[in-house]
Protein backbone atom coordinates (compact mmCIF):
# COMPACT_ATOMS: atom_id res chain seq x y z
CA MET A 1 -1.89 -2.78 19.78
CA GLY A 2 -4.18 -5.14 21.62
CA PRO A 3 -6.51 -7.66 20.04
CA SER A 4 -9.53 -5.40 20.49
CA LYS A 5 -7.89 -2.52 18.65
CA ALA A 6 -6.65 -4.83 15.90
CA ILE A 7 -10.15 -6.23 15.33
CA HIS A 8 -11.57 -2.72 15.26
CA ALA A 9 -8.92 -1.56 12.75
CA VAL A 10 -9.56 -4.49 10.39
CA GLY A 11 -13.33 -4.01 10.64
CA ASN A 12 -12.93 -0.32 9.88
CA LEU A 13 -10.79 -1.13 6.83
CA ILE A 14 -13.37 -3.60 5.50
CA LEU A 15 -16.23 -1.12 6.03
CA ARG A 16 -14.37 1.65 4.20
CA LEU A 17 -13.55 -0.72 1.33
CA CYS A 18 -17.20 -1.78 1.02
CA TYR A 19 -18.35 1.83 1.15
CA HIS A 20 -16.04 2.89 -1.69
CA ILE A 21 -17.06 -0.10 -3.81
CA LEU A 22 -20.77 0.66 -3.33
CA VAL A 23 -20.44 4.41 -3.89
CA SER A 24 -18.24 4.20 -6.98
CA GLY A 25 -19.99 1.17 -8.46
CA ILE A 26 -16.72 -0.50 -9.43
CA LYS A 27 -16.33 -4.26 -9.47
CA TYR A 28 -14.08 -5.61 -6.73
CA GLU A 29 -11.26 -7.79 -8.00
CA GLU A 30 -8.93 -9.68 -5.71
CA ARG A 31 -5.29 -8.95 -6.47
CA GLU A 32 -2.84 -11.71 -7.23
CA LYS A 33 0.17 -12.38 -5.00
CA ASP A 34 2.47 -11.04 -7.74
CA ASP A 35 0.62 -7.71 -7.68
CA TYR A 36 1.31 -7.30 -3.96
CA GLU A 37 4.96 -8.23 -4.44
CA LYS A 38 5.34 -5.61 -7.20
CA ILE A 39 3.72 -2.95 -5.01
CA LEU A 40 5.96 -3.84 -2.06
CA GLN A 41 9.07 -3.82 -4.28
CA LYS A 42 8.15 -0.39 -5.69
CA LYS A 43 7.61 1.03 -2.19
CA LYS A 44 10.93 -0.42 -1.05
CA GLU A 45 12.73 1.17 -4.01
CA GLU A 46 11.10 4.56 -3.34
CA ARG A 47 12.04 4.37 0.35
CA MET A 48 15.65 3.49 -0.47
CA ILE A 49 15.91 6.33 -3.02
CA LYS A 50 14.50 8.78 -0.48
CA GLU A 51 17.02 7.66 2.16
CA LEU A 52 19.92 8.03 -0.27
CA LYS A 53 18.77 11.53 -1.30
CA GLU A 54 18.50 12.52 2.36
CA LYS A 55 22.12 11.42 2.81
CA GLY A 56 23.21 13.69 -0.04
CA TYR A 57 23.46 11.24 -2.93
CA LYS A 58 22.20 12.27 -6.34
CA ILE A 59 20.01 9.56 -7.82
CA GLU A 60 19.29 9.11 -11.52
CA ILE A 61 16.63 6.57 -12.38
CA ALA A 62 17.34 4.49 -15.49
CA SER A 63 14.25 3.67 -17.52
């Protein structure tokens, strides 16, 4: 992806974010670094579970 496409993609993301904030009337709140780390950890866990299931393992999630 070249610089032009990257700038366009980021601009598009910002415009869509602004649109949804204006339409829904919600207050925008910046997330903390810990929030992003939790989200990334959760996605990583889900991806790993999916890969194990695809390989034939039976996964039981402990609460």
